[in-house]
N, C-alpha and C. Protein backbone atom coordinates (compact mmCIF):
# COMPACT_ATOMS: atom_id res chain seq x y z
N UNK A 1 70.90 -33.34 63.92
CA UNK A 1 70.63 -33.75 62.54
C UNK A 1 70.11 -35.18 62.51
N UNK A 2 70.73 -36.03 63.27
CA UNK A 2 70.32 -37.43 63.34
C UNK A 2 68.94 -37.56 63.95
N UNK A 3 68.66 -36.71 64.99
CA UNK A 3 67.35 -36.76 65.65
C UNK A 3 66.25 -36.33 64.69
N UNK A 4 66.54 -35.30 63.87
CA UNK A 4 65.55 -34.81 62.90
C UNK A 4 65.23 -35.89 61.88
N UNK A 5 66.28 -36.62 61.46
CA UNK A 5 66.07 -37.68 60.50
C UNK A 5 65.20 -38.79 61.08
N UNK A 6 65.41 -39.09 62.34
CA UNK A 6 64.60 -40.11 63.02
C UNK A 6 63.15 -39.68 63.11
N UNK A 7 62.94 -38.38 63.45
CA UNK A 7 61.58 -37.87 63.56
C UNK A 7 60.85 -37.94 62.23
N UNK A 8 61.57 -37.56 61.15
CA UNK A 8 60.95 -37.60 59.83
C UNK A 8 60.56 -39.03 59.45
N UNK A 9 61.44 -39.94 59.83
CA UNK A 9 61.17 -41.34 59.51
C UNK A 9 59.96 -41.85 60.26
N UNK A 10 59.79 -41.43 61.51
CA UNK A 10 58.68 -41.89 62.31
C UNK A 10 57.35 -41.35 61.80
N UNK A 11 57.38 -40.21 61.11
CA UNK A 11 56.14 -39.62 60.61
C UNK A 11 55.58 -40.36 59.41
N UNK A 12 56.43 -41.15 58.75
CA UNK A 12 56.00 -41.86 57.54
C UNK A 12 55.41 -43.20 57.93
N UNK A 13 54.16 -43.43 57.50
CA UNK A 13 53.50 -44.69 57.81
C UNK A 13 53.03 -45.35 56.53
N UNK A 14 53.64 -46.46 56.20
CA UNK A 14 53.27 -47.19 54.99
C UNK A 14 52.55 -48.46 55.41
N UNK A 15 51.23 -48.46 55.24
CA UNK A 15 50.42 -49.58 55.70
C UNK A 15 50.13 -50.52 54.54
N UNK A 16 51.12 -51.38 54.25
CA UNK A 16 50.93 -52.33 53.16
C UNK A 16 49.97 -53.45 53.56
N UNK A 17 49.83 -53.66 54.87
CA UNK A 17 48.94 -54.73 55.32
C UNK A 17 47.50 -54.48 54.94
N UNK A 18 47.04 -53.22 55.06
CA UNK A 18 45.67 -52.90 54.71
C UNK A 18 45.40 -53.09 53.23
N UNK A 19 46.39 -52.73 52.39
CA UNK A 19 46.22 -52.90 50.95
C UNK A 19 46.10 -54.38 50.60
N UNK A 20 46.93 -55.20 51.23
CA UNK A 20 46.86 -56.63 50.97
C UNK A 20 45.54 -57.21 51.46
N UNK A 21 45.08 -56.72 52.61
CA UNK A 21 43.80 -57.21 53.14
C UNK A 21 42.65 -56.81 52.24
N UNK A 22 42.69 -55.58 51.71
CA UNK A 22 41.64 -55.11 50.81
C UNK A 22 41.62 -55.94 49.53
N UNK A 23 42.81 -56.22 48.98
CA UNK A 23 42.88 -57.04 47.77
C UNK A 23 42.35 -58.45 48.03
N UNK A 24 42.64 -58.98 49.22
CA UNK A 24 42.16 -60.32 49.58
C UNK A 24 40.65 -60.34 49.68
N UNK A 25 40.07 -59.30 50.28
CA UNK A 25 38.62 -59.25 50.42
C UNK A 25 37.92 -59.15 49.07
N UNK A 26 38.53 -58.41 48.14
CA UNK A 26 37.94 -58.28 46.80
C UNK A 26 37.93 -59.63 46.08
N UNK A 27 39.01 -60.38 46.29
CA UNK A 27 39.14 -61.66 45.58
C UNK A 27 38.42 -62.80 46.28
N UNK A 28 38.06 -62.61 47.53
CA UNK A 28 37.45 -63.68 48.31
C UNK A 28 36.01 -63.92 47.90
N UNK A 29 35.59 -65.17 47.88
CA UNK A 29 34.20 -65.52 47.63
C UNK A 29 33.55 -65.82 48.97
N UNK A 30 32.64 -64.97 49.39
CA UNK A 30 32.02 -65.11 50.71
C UNK A 30 30.90 -66.15 50.73
N UNK A 31 30.29 -66.37 49.58
CA UNK A 31 29.17 -67.31 49.52
C UNK A 31 29.48 -68.39 48.48
N UNK A 32 30.35 -69.32 48.80
CA UNK A 32 30.77 -70.32 47.80
C UNK A 32 29.62 -71.20 47.32
N UNK A 33 28.70 -71.54 48.21
CA UNK A 33 27.58 -72.40 47.80
C UNK A 33 26.66 -71.67 46.83
N UNK A 34 26.34 -70.41 47.14
CA UNK A 34 25.50 -69.62 46.25
C UNK A 34 26.19 -69.39 44.91
N UNK A 35 27.49 -69.13 44.95
CA UNK A 35 28.25 -68.92 43.72
C UNK A 35 28.26 -70.18 42.86
N UNK A 36 28.40 -71.32 43.51
CA UNK A 36 28.40 -72.60 42.79
C UNK A 36 27.07 -72.82 42.07
N UNK A 37 25.96 -72.66 42.80
CA UNK A 37 24.66 -72.93 42.20
C UNK A 37 24.23 -71.83 41.23
N UNK A 38 24.82 -70.64 41.36
CA UNK A 38 24.52 -69.59 40.38
C UNK A 38 24.94 -70.04 38.98
N UNK A 39 26.04 -70.78 38.90
CA UNK A 39 26.54 -71.26 37.61
C UNK A 39 26.13 -72.70 37.31
N UNK A 40 25.91 -73.50 38.35
CA UNK A 40 25.71 -74.94 38.15
C UNK A 40 24.49 -75.24 37.29
N UNK A 41 23.33 -74.70 37.65
CA UNK A 41 22.11 -75.05 36.94
C UNK A 41 22.12 -74.56 35.50
N UNK A 42 22.59 -73.31 35.30
CA UNK A 42 22.55 -72.78 33.93
C UNK A 42 23.60 -73.44 33.03
N UNK A 43 24.77 -73.72 33.57
CA UNK A 43 25.79 -74.42 32.78
C UNK A 43 25.36 -75.86 32.52
N UNK A 44 24.77 -76.50 33.52
CA UNK A 44 24.29 -77.87 33.35
C UNK A 44 23.21 -77.96 32.29
N UNK A 45 22.32 -76.95 32.25
CA UNK A 45 21.27 -76.94 31.23
C UNK A 45 21.87 -76.85 29.83
N UNK A 46 22.87 -76.00 29.68
CA UNK A 46 23.52 -75.84 28.37
C UNK A 46 24.25 -77.12 27.97
N UNK A 47 25.02 -77.69 28.90
CA UNK A 47 25.78 -78.91 28.60
C UNK A 47 24.83 -80.06 28.27
N UNK A 48 23.75 -80.19 29.04
CA UNK A 48 22.78 -81.26 28.79
C UNK A 48 22.12 -81.09 27.43
N UNK A 49 21.79 -79.86 27.08
CA UNK A 49 21.16 -79.60 25.78
C UNK A 49 22.10 -79.98 24.63
N UNK A 50 23.36 -79.63 24.78
CA UNK A 50 24.33 -79.90 23.71
C UNK A 50 24.63 -81.39 23.59
N UNK A 51 24.72 -82.08 24.73
CA UNK A 51 25.21 -83.46 24.73
C UNK A 51 24.12 -84.52 24.83
N UNK A 52 22.86 -84.10 24.99
CA UNK A 52 21.84 -85.11 25.28
C UNK A 52 21.68 -86.13 24.16
N UNK A 53 21.86 -85.71 22.91
CA UNK A 53 21.74 -86.66 21.79
C UNK A 53 22.83 -87.73 21.82
N UNK A 54 23.94 -87.43 22.47
CA UNK A 54 25.04 -88.40 22.54
C UNK A 54 24.79 -89.47 23.60
N UNK A 55 24.05 -89.10 24.65
CA UNK A 55 23.87 -90.01 25.79
C UNK A 55 22.49 -90.64 25.85
N UNK A 56 21.53 -90.05 25.17
CA UNK A 56 20.17 -90.59 25.25
C UNK A 56 19.43 -90.29 23.95
N UNK A 57 18.60 -91.23 23.55
CA UNK A 57 17.78 -91.04 22.36
C UNK A 57 16.35 -90.64 22.73
N UNK A 58 16.12 -90.47 24.01
CA UNK A 58 14.79 -90.09 24.47
C UNK A 58 14.64 -88.57 24.43
N UNK A 59 13.88 -88.09 23.46
CA UNK A 59 13.66 -86.65 23.36
C UNK A 59 12.93 -86.12 24.59
N UNK A 60 11.93 -86.86 25.05
CA UNK A 60 11.15 -86.41 26.20
C UNK A 60 12.02 -86.31 27.45
N UNK A 61 12.89 -87.31 27.64
CA UNK A 61 13.76 -87.28 28.82
C UNK A 61 14.72 -86.10 28.80
N UNK A 62 15.33 -85.84 27.64
CA UNK A 62 16.23 -84.69 27.51
C UNK A 62 15.48 -83.38 27.70
N UNK A 63 14.30 -83.29 27.10
CA UNK A 63 13.49 -82.08 27.19
C UNK A 63 13.15 -81.76 28.65
N UNK A 64 12.67 -82.76 29.37
CA UNK A 64 12.27 -82.55 30.77
C UNK A 64 13.48 -82.22 31.63
N UNK A 65 14.60 -82.90 31.41
CA UNK A 65 15.81 -82.64 32.20
C UNK A 65 16.29 -81.20 32.04
N UNK A 66 16.39 -80.74 30.80
CA UNK A 66 16.84 -79.37 30.54
C UNK A 66 15.83 -78.37 31.10
N UNK A 67 14.55 -78.66 30.95
CA UNK A 67 13.52 -77.75 31.45
C UNK A 67 13.59 -77.63 32.97
N UNK A 68 13.82 -78.74 33.65
CA UNK A 68 13.95 -78.69 35.11
C UNK A 68 15.18 -77.89 35.53
N UNK A 69 16.29 -78.09 34.85
CA UNK A 69 17.51 -77.33 35.16
C UNK A 69 17.29 -75.84 34.94
N UNK A 70 16.60 -75.48 33.87
CA UNK A 70 16.31 -74.06 33.61
C UNK A 70 15.39 -73.49 34.68
N UNK A 71 14.43 -74.28 35.13
CA UNK A 71 13.50 -73.81 36.17
C UNK A 71 14.22 -73.63 37.50
N UNK A 72 15.07 -74.60 37.86
CA UNK A 72 15.86 -74.47 39.09
C UNK A 72 16.76 -73.24 39.02
N UNK A 73 17.36 -73.03 37.85
CA UNK A 73 18.24 -71.87 37.68
C UNK A 73 17.47 -70.57 37.86
N UNK A 74 16.30 -70.48 37.22
CA UNK A 74 15.51 -69.25 37.31
C UNK A 74 15.16 -68.95 38.77
N UNK A 75 14.70 -69.96 39.49
CA UNK A 75 14.29 -69.74 40.88
C UNK A 75 15.48 -69.37 41.76
N UNK A 76 16.58 -70.09 41.63
CA UNK A 76 17.73 -69.85 42.52
C UNK A 76 18.37 -68.49 42.25
N UNK A 77 18.49 -68.10 40.98
CA UNK A 77 19.08 -66.80 40.66
C UNK A 77 18.16 -65.67 41.10
N UNK A 78 16.88 -65.81 40.87
CA UNK A 78 15.92 -64.75 41.21
C UNK A 78 15.78 -64.57 42.71
N UNK A 79 15.77 -65.66 43.47
CA UNK A 79 15.43 -65.58 44.89
C UNK A 79 16.61 -65.72 45.85
N UNK A 80 17.73 -66.29 45.39
CA UNK A 80 18.81 -66.58 46.33
C UNK A 80 20.13 -65.92 45.93
N UNK A 81 20.66 -66.27 44.77
CA UNK A 81 22.03 -65.85 44.46
C UNK A 81 22.16 -64.35 44.25
N UNK A 82 21.15 -63.71 43.66
CA UNK A 82 21.22 -62.26 43.48
C UNK A 82 21.24 -61.53 44.80
N UNK A 83 20.46 -62.01 45.75
CA UNK A 83 20.41 -61.38 47.07
C UNK A 83 21.72 -61.56 47.82
N UNK A 84 22.31 -62.74 47.74
CA UNK A 84 23.54 -63.01 48.49
C UNK A 84 24.78 -62.44 47.81
N UNK A 85 24.86 -62.54 46.49
CA UNK A 85 26.10 -62.19 45.79
C UNK A 85 26.23 -60.71 45.47
N UNK A 86 25.11 -60.03 45.18
CA UNK A 86 25.19 -58.61 44.83
C UNK A 86 24.19 -57.75 45.59
N UNK A 87 23.44 -58.33 46.52
CA UNK A 87 22.52 -57.54 47.34
C UNK A 87 21.33 -56.99 46.58
N UNK A 88 20.86 -57.70 45.56
CA UNK A 88 19.73 -57.24 44.75
C UNK A 88 18.65 -58.32 44.71
N UNK A 89 17.39 -57.84 44.57
CA UNK A 89 16.28 -58.78 44.41
C UNK A 89 15.15 -58.09 43.66
N UNK A 90 14.43 -58.84 42.85
CA UNK A 90 13.32 -58.27 42.09
C UNK A 90 12.18 -59.27 42.03
N UNK A 91 11.00 -58.76 41.83
CA UNK A 91 9.85 -59.62 41.58
C UNK A 91 8.74 -58.81 40.92
N UNK A 92 7.77 -59.53 40.40
CA UNK A 92 6.62 -58.91 39.74
C UNK A 92 5.36 -59.31 40.49
N UNK A 93 4.49 -58.34 40.76
CA UNK A 93 3.27 -58.66 41.46
C UNK A 93 2.07 -57.99 40.80
N UNK A 94 0.89 -58.58 40.99
CA UNK A 94 -0.36 -58.07 40.43
C UNK A 94 -1.17 -57.45 41.56
N UNK A 95 -1.57 -56.19 41.40
CA UNK A 95 -2.36 -55.54 42.44
C UNK A 95 -3.83 -55.93 42.33
N UNK A 96 -4.66 -55.34 43.20
CA UNK A 96 -6.08 -55.70 43.23
C UNK A 96 -6.81 -55.29 41.96
N UNK A 97 -6.28 -54.31 41.25
CA UNK A 97 -6.91 -53.86 40.00
C UNK A 97 -6.45 -54.67 38.79
N UNK A 98 -5.60 -55.66 39.04
CA UNK A 98 -5.11 -56.49 37.94
C UNK A 98 -3.93 -55.91 37.20
N UNK A 99 -3.32 -54.84 37.75
CA UNK A 99 -2.17 -54.22 37.10
C UNK A 99 -0.88 -54.88 37.56
N UNK A 100 0.05 -55.02 36.64
CA UNK A 100 1.34 -55.65 36.94
C UNK A 100 2.35 -54.59 37.37
N UNK A 101 3.07 -54.88 38.46
CA UNK A 101 4.07 -53.96 38.98
C UNK A 101 5.39 -54.70 39.17
N UNK A 102 6.49 -54.08 38.71
CA UNK A 102 7.83 -54.60 38.95
C UNK A 102 8.36 -53.98 40.23
N UNK A 103 8.81 -54.81 41.15
CA UNK A 103 9.36 -54.35 42.43
C UNK A 103 10.85 -54.66 42.45
N UNK A 104 11.67 -53.65 42.77
CA UNK A 104 13.12 -53.81 42.80
C UNK A 104 13.62 -53.47 44.19
N UNK A 105 14.45 -54.34 44.74
CA UNK A 105 14.91 -54.19 46.12
C UNK A 105 16.43 -54.27 46.17
N UNK A 106 17.05 -53.36 46.91
CA UNK A 106 18.51 -53.36 47.08
C UNK A 106 18.84 -53.04 48.52
N UNK A 107 19.87 -53.64 49.04
CA UNK A 107 20.31 -53.35 50.40
C UNK A 107 20.90 -51.97 50.48
N UNK A 108 20.62 -51.27 51.55
CA UNK A 108 21.15 -49.93 51.72
C UNK A 108 22.62 -49.97 52.11
N UNK A 109 23.30 -48.85 51.85
CA UNK A 109 24.73 -48.74 52.14
C UNK A 109 24.93 -48.42 53.61
N UNK A 110 25.88 -49.10 54.22
CA UNK A 110 26.22 -48.86 55.62
C UNK A 110 27.71 -49.07 55.81
N UNK A 111 28.36 -48.16 56.56
CA UNK A 111 29.80 -48.34 56.78
C UNK A 111 30.13 -49.54 57.64
N UNK A 112 29.13 -50.11 58.30
CA UNK A 112 29.38 -51.24 59.19
C UNK A 112 29.34 -52.59 58.48
N UNK A 113 28.98 -52.58 57.20
CA UNK A 113 28.88 -53.82 56.46
C UNK A 113 29.74 -53.75 55.20
N UNK A 114 30.46 -54.82 54.92
CA UNK A 114 31.32 -54.85 53.74
C UNK A 114 30.52 -54.99 52.46
N UNK A 115 31.07 -54.48 51.37
CA UNK A 115 30.42 -54.60 50.07
C UNK A 115 30.61 -56.01 49.53
N UNK A 116 29.78 -56.36 48.57
CA UNK A 116 29.95 -57.64 47.90
C UNK A 116 31.33 -57.69 47.26
N UNK A 117 31.95 -58.85 47.32
CA UNK A 117 33.29 -58.95 46.78
C UNK A 117 33.27 -58.83 45.26
N UNK A 118 34.38 -58.33 44.72
CA UNK A 118 34.47 -58.14 43.28
C UNK A 118 34.40 -59.48 42.56
N UNK A 119 35.00 -60.51 43.14
CA UNK A 119 34.98 -61.83 42.50
C UNK A 119 33.56 -62.35 42.37
N UNK A 120 32.78 -62.27 43.45
CA UNK A 120 31.40 -62.74 43.41
C UNK A 120 30.57 -61.95 42.41
N UNK A 121 30.75 -60.62 42.44
CA UNK A 121 29.95 -59.76 41.56
C UNK A 121 30.27 -60.03 40.09
N UNK A 122 31.54 -60.23 39.77
CA UNK A 122 31.91 -60.53 38.39
C UNK A 122 31.30 -61.85 37.95
N UNK A 123 31.39 -62.86 38.79
CA UNK A 123 30.81 -64.16 38.45
C UNK A 123 29.30 -64.03 38.24
N UNK A 124 28.65 -63.27 39.11
CA UNK A 124 27.20 -63.11 39.01
C UNK A 124 26.80 -62.48 37.68
N UNK A 125 27.40 -61.32 37.37
CA UNK A 125 26.99 -60.59 36.17
C UNK A 125 27.42 -61.27 34.88
N UNK A 126 28.60 -61.84 34.86
CA UNK A 126 29.04 -62.53 33.64
C UNK A 126 28.18 -63.76 33.36
N UNK A 127 27.87 -64.52 34.41
CA UNK A 127 26.98 -65.67 34.23
C UNK A 127 25.60 -65.25 33.79
N UNK A 128 25.14 -64.13 34.33
CA UNK A 128 23.80 -63.64 33.99
C UNK A 128 23.71 -63.17 32.54
N UNK A 129 24.81 -62.64 32.01
CA UNK A 129 24.80 -62.08 30.65
C UNK A 129 25.15 -63.12 29.59
N UNK A 130 26.18 -63.94 29.86
CA UNK A 130 26.69 -64.83 28.82
C UNK A 130 25.71 -65.95 28.47
N UNK A 131 25.06 -66.53 29.48
CA UNK A 131 24.19 -67.68 29.21
C UNK A 131 22.99 -67.35 28.32
N UNK A 132 22.29 -66.23 28.51
CA UNK A 132 21.22 -65.90 27.56
C UNK A 132 21.73 -65.72 26.13
N UNK A 133 22.95 -65.20 26.00
CA UNK A 133 23.54 -65.06 24.66
C UNK A 133 23.75 -66.44 24.02
N UNK A 134 24.20 -67.40 24.83
CA UNK A 134 24.40 -68.76 24.31
C UNK A 134 23.08 -69.37 23.86
N UNK A 135 22.01 -69.17 24.65
CA UNK A 135 20.70 -69.69 24.26
C UNK A 135 20.18 -69.01 23.00
N UNK A 136 20.51 -67.76 22.82
CA UNK A 136 20.13 -67.06 21.59
C UNK A 136 20.83 -67.68 20.38
N UNK A 137 22.10 -68.04 20.55
CA UNK A 137 22.83 -68.73 19.48
C UNK A 137 22.21 -70.09 19.19
N UNK A 138 21.77 -70.78 20.25
CA UNK A 138 21.08 -72.06 20.06
C UNK A 138 19.80 -71.87 19.24
N UNK A 139 19.12 -70.76 19.46
CA UNK A 139 17.87 -70.49 18.74
C UNK A 139 18.13 -70.43 17.23
N UNK A 140 19.13 -69.67 16.84
CA UNK A 140 19.43 -69.56 15.41
C UNK A 140 19.96 -70.88 14.85
N UNK A 141 20.75 -71.58 15.65
CA UNK A 141 21.27 -72.88 15.22
C UNK A 141 20.13 -73.87 14.99
N UNK A 142 19.17 -73.90 15.93
CA UNK A 142 18.02 -74.79 15.80
C UNK A 142 17.17 -74.42 14.59
N UNK A 143 17.02 -73.13 14.37
CA UNK A 143 16.20 -72.65 13.26
C UNK A 143 16.82 -73.02 11.92
N UNK A 144 18.11 -72.77 11.78
CA UNK A 144 18.78 -73.00 10.50
C UNK A 144 19.01 -74.48 10.21
N UNK A 145 19.14 -75.29 11.27
CA UNK A 145 19.34 -76.73 11.07
C UNK A 145 18.02 -77.49 11.01
N UNK A 146 16.91 -76.75 11.14
CA UNK A 146 15.56 -77.32 11.05
C UNK A 146 15.27 -78.36 12.13
N UNK A 147 15.93 -78.22 13.28
CA UNK A 147 15.61 -79.09 14.42
C UNK A 147 14.51 -78.41 15.24
N UNK A 148 13.35 -78.31 14.64
CA UNK A 148 12.27 -77.51 15.21
C UNK A 148 11.68 -78.11 16.48
N UNK A 149 11.91 -79.39 16.71
CA UNK A 149 11.38 -80.00 17.93
C UNK A 149 12.02 -79.42 19.19
N UNK A 150 13.23 -78.84 19.03
CA UNK A 150 13.92 -78.23 20.17
C UNK A 150 13.59 -76.75 20.33
N UNK A 151 12.84 -76.21 19.40
CA UNK A 151 12.63 -74.76 19.38
C UNK A 151 11.91 -74.27 20.63
N UNK A 152 10.90 -75.01 21.08
CA UNK A 152 10.15 -74.59 22.27
C UNK A 152 11.05 -74.56 23.50
N UNK A 153 11.94 -75.55 23.61
CA UNK A 153 12.85 -75.60 24.76
C UNK A 153 13.84 -74.44 24.72
N UNK A 154 14.37 -74.15 23.54
CA UNK A 154 15.33 -73.05 23.41
C UNK A 154 14.66 -71.71 23.73
N UNK A 155 13.45 -71.52 23.25
CA UNK A 155 12.72 -70.28 23.55
C UNK A 155 12.45 -70.16 25.04
N UNK A 156 12.15 -71.28 25.69
CA UNK A 156 11.96 -71.27 27.15
C UNK A 156 13.24 -70.86 27.86
N UNK A 157 14.38 -71.40 27.40
CA UNK A 157 15.66 -71.03 27.99
C UNK A 157 15.95 -69.55 27.84
N UNK A 158 15.70 -69.01 26.65
CA UNK A 158 15.92 -67.58 26.42
C UNK A 158 15.00 -66.76 27.32
N UNK A 159 13.73 -67.15 27.40
CA UNK A 159 12.75 -66.38 28.17
C UNK A 159 13.09 -66.34 29.65
N UNK A 160 13.40 -67.50 30.23
CA UNK A 160 13.67 -67.55 31.67
C UNK A 160 14.94 -66.79 32.02
N UNK A 161 16.00 -66.97 31.24
CA UNK A 161 17.26 -66.32 31.59
C UNK A 161 17.24 -64.84 31.22
N UNK A 162 16.54 -64.47 30.16
CA UNK A 162 16.42 -63.06 29.82
C UNK A 162 15.57 -62.32 30.85
N UNK A 163 14.58 -63.01 31.44
CA UNK A 163 13.75 -62.38 32.47
C UNK A 163 14.59 -62.01 33.68
N UNK A 164 15.48 -62.91 34.10
CA UNK A 164 16.37 -62.58 35.22
C UNK A 164 17.32 -61.45 34.87
N UNK A 165 17.87 -61.48 33.66
CA UNK A 165 18.77 -60.41 33.23
C UNK A 165 18.04 -59.07 33.21
N UNK A 166 16.86 -59.06 32.65
CA UNK A 166 16.03 -57.85 32.60
C UNK A 166 15.76 -57.31 34.01
N UNK A 167 15.33 -58.22 34.91
CA UNK A 167 15.01 -57.80 36.26
C UNK A 167 16.19 -57.24 37.02
N UNK A 168 17.35 -57.88 36.89
CA UNK A 168 18.52 -57.43 37.66
C UNK A 168 19.14 -56.16 37.08
N UNK A 169 19.05 -55.98 35.77
CA UNK A 169 19.55 -54.72 35.21
C UNK A 169 18.72 -53.55 35.72
N UNK A 170 17.39 -53.70 35.68
CA UNK A 170 16.52 -52.64 36.20
C UNK A 170 16.72 -52.47 37.70
N UNK A 171 16.94 -53.58 38.40
CA UNK A 171 17.14 -53.51 39.84
C UNK A 171 18.41 -52.74 40.17
N UNK A 172 19.48 -53.00 39.45
CA UNK A 172 20.75 -52.30 39.69
C UNK A 172 20.63 -50.82 39.37
N UNK A 173 19.83 -50.49 38.35
CA UNK A 173 19.66 -49.10 37.95
C UNK A 173 18.55 -48.39 38.72
N UNK A 174 17.97 -49.06 39.70
CA UNK A 174 16.94 -48.43 40.51
C UNK A 174 15.56 -48.44 39.90
N UNK A 175 15.36 -49.22 38.85
CA UNK A 175 14.05 -49.31 38.23
C UNK A 175 13.64 -48.08 37.47
N UNK A 176 14.59 -47.22 37.12
CA UNK A 176 14.26 -45.97 36.47
C UNK A 176 14.69 -46.00 35.01
N UNK A 177 13.94 -45.28 34.18
CA UNK A 177 14.32 -45.09 32.78
C UNK A 177 13.80 -46.17 31.87
N UNK A 178 13.92 -45.94 30.58
CA UNK A 178 13.50 -46.89 29.57
C UNK A 178 14.44 -48.08 29.55
N UNK A 179 13.89 -49.28 29.43
CA UNK A 179 14.69 -50.49 29.55
C UNK A 179 15.75 -50.58 28.46
N UNK A 180 15.44 -50.15 27.24
CA UNK A 180 16.43 -50.24 26.16
C UNK A 180 17.62 -49.33 26.44
N UNK A 181 17.35 -48.13 26.97
CA UNK A 181 18.44 -47.21 27.30
C UNK A 181 19.25 -47.73 28.46
N UNK A 182 18.56 -48.22 29.48
CA UNK A 182 19.23 -48.74 30.68
C UNK A 182 20.08 -49.95 30.32
N UNK A 183 19.53 -50.87 29.53
CA UNK A 183 20.26 -52.08 29.17
C UNK A 183 21.49 -51.76 28.34
N UNK A 184 21.34 -50.84 27.38
CA UNK A 184 22.48 -50.48 26.53
C UNK A 184 23.59 -49.85 27.36
N UNK A 185 23.22 -48.98 28.29
CA UNK A 185 24.21 -48.33 29.15
C UNK A 185 24.91 -49.34 30.04
N UNK A 186 24.12 -50.24 30.64
CA UNK A 186 24.68 -51.22 31.56
C UNK A 186 25.60 -52.20 30.85
N UNK A 187 25.16 -52.72 29.70
CA UNK A 187 25.96 -53.70 28.98
C UNK A 187 27.24 -53.09 28.43
N UNK A 188 27.17 -51.82 28.03
CA UNK A 188 28.38 -51.18 27.52
C UNK A 188 29.40 -51.01 28.63
N UNK A 189 28.94 -50.71 29.85
CA UNK A 189 29.85 -50.59 30.99
C UNK A 189 30.44 -51.95 31.34
N UNK A 190 29.60 -52.99 31.29
CA UNK A 190 30.02 -54.31 31.73
C UNK A 190 30.94 -54.99 30.74
N UNK A 191 30.63 -54.88 29.45
CA UNK A 191 31.35 -55.66 28.44
C UNK A 191 32.51 -54.90 27.84
N UNK A 192 32.33 -53.61 27.55
CA UNK A 192 33.31 -52.88 26.76
C UNK A 192 34.26 -52.01 27.57
N UNK A 193 33.99 -51.80 28.84
CA UNK A 193 34.86 -50.97 29.64
C UNK A 193 35.58 -51.81 30.67
N UNK A 194 36.72 -51.28 31.14
CA UNK A 194 37.43 -51.93 32.23
C UNK A 194 36.64 -51.70 33.49
N UNK A 195 36.26 -52.79 34.13
CA UNK A 195 35.33 -52.67 35.24
C UNK A 195 36.06 -52.33 36.53
N UNK A 196 35.49 -51.38 37.23
CA UNK A 196 35.94 -51.09 38.58
C UNK A 196 35.05 -51.87 39.53
N UNK A 197 35.45 -52.04 40.80
CA UNK A 197 34.63 -52.79 41.72
C UNK A 197 33.22 -52.24 41.81
N UNK A 198 33.05 -50.93 41.74
CA UNK A 198 31.73 -50.34 41.86
C UNK A 198 30.80 -50.68 40.72
N UNK A 199 31.35 -51.08 39.57
CA UNK A 199 30.50 -51.42 38.43
C UNK A 199 29.80 -52.76 38.64
N UNK A 200 30.36 -53.61 39.49
CA UNK A 200 29.82 -54.95 39.60
C UNK A 200 29.27 -55.28 40.98
N UNK A 201 29.53 -54.49 41.97
CA UNK A 201 29.16 -54.90 43.30
C UNK A 201 28.04 -54.04 43.85
N UNK A 202 27.29 -54.59 44.76
CA UNK A 202 26.23 -53.88 45.44
C UNK A 202 26.49 -54.02 46.93
N UNK A 203 26.55 -52.91 47.69
CA UNK A 203 26.88 -52.99 49.09
C UNK A 203 25.89 -53.82 49.88
N UNK A 204 26.38 -54.51 50.87
CA UNK A 204 25.51 -55.19 51.81
C UNK A 204 25.29 -54.27 52.99
N UNK A 205 24.05 -53.86 53.22
CA UNK A 205 23.78 -52.89 54.25
C UNK A 205 22.51 -53.21 55.01
N UNK A 206 22.36 -52.53 56.12
CA UNK A 206 21.14 -52.69 56.88
C UNK A 206 20.01 -51.98 56.15
N UNK A 207 18.81 -52.59 56.23
CA UNK A 207 17.67 -51.97 55.59
C UNK A 207 17.61 -52.27 54.11
N UNK A 208 16.59 -51.69 53.45
CA UNK A 208 16.41 -51.98 52.03
C UNK A 208 15.94 -50.73 51.31
N UNK A 209 16.36 -50.59 50.08
CA UNK A 209 15.81 -49.60 49.16
C UNK A 209 14.87 -50.32 48.22
N UNK A 210 13.62 -49.87 48.13
CA UNK A 210 12.64 -50.52 47.28
C UNK A 210 12.16 -49.54 46.23
N UNK A 211 12.22 -49.97 44.97
CA UNK A 211 11.75 -49.16 43.85
C UNK A 211 10.63 -49.93 43.16
N UNK A 212 9.59 -49.21 42.78
CA UNK A 212 8.46 -49.84 42.11
C UNK A 212 8.29 -49.24 40.74
N UNK A 213 8.06 -50.10 39.76
CA UNK A 213 7.89 -49.66 38.38
C UNK A 213 6.53 -50.10 37.86
């Protein structure tokens, strides 16, 4: 009887170490520098826009500073942070006939490579979505307060950040379907539902999947 009890006990394997390791990997930020700059330029542009009247009376200086921060943000998010943090990249190119084509690229899935961490993916998508919303609020604020000299800068901020949001939503969805339908579906999953890791992460894998629109 005692031997049977021992055998039954030996058959039970509770591997709590793997669960803890999995939770640690999800929470870990693998690319701290990319994560920092993913938020740094866009947050700095917003803070500078809000506070520039307090620190400087030079409209031209504030305008150029915010514009440079927005440009740095657009380039870094489009070419660096999306590729490192969620394994996605997009661009637009003109063919020989003068036609515009959207190209969407994603890393293929491989069991030998870990997926993007949940922490990085959440930071990426939330930063990508929230900041254009803030610039949209600035647009209405500028319009209603009649500070029309800032209108061009605010429209530039909306355009640059919305372009990245547009590109990455289509990139995540494989470049298929109507953009309004795709965006509504994606934003509803991201904002209104409890997110699972798969909703925010893109696997890091060998090779690439390329979709053209």
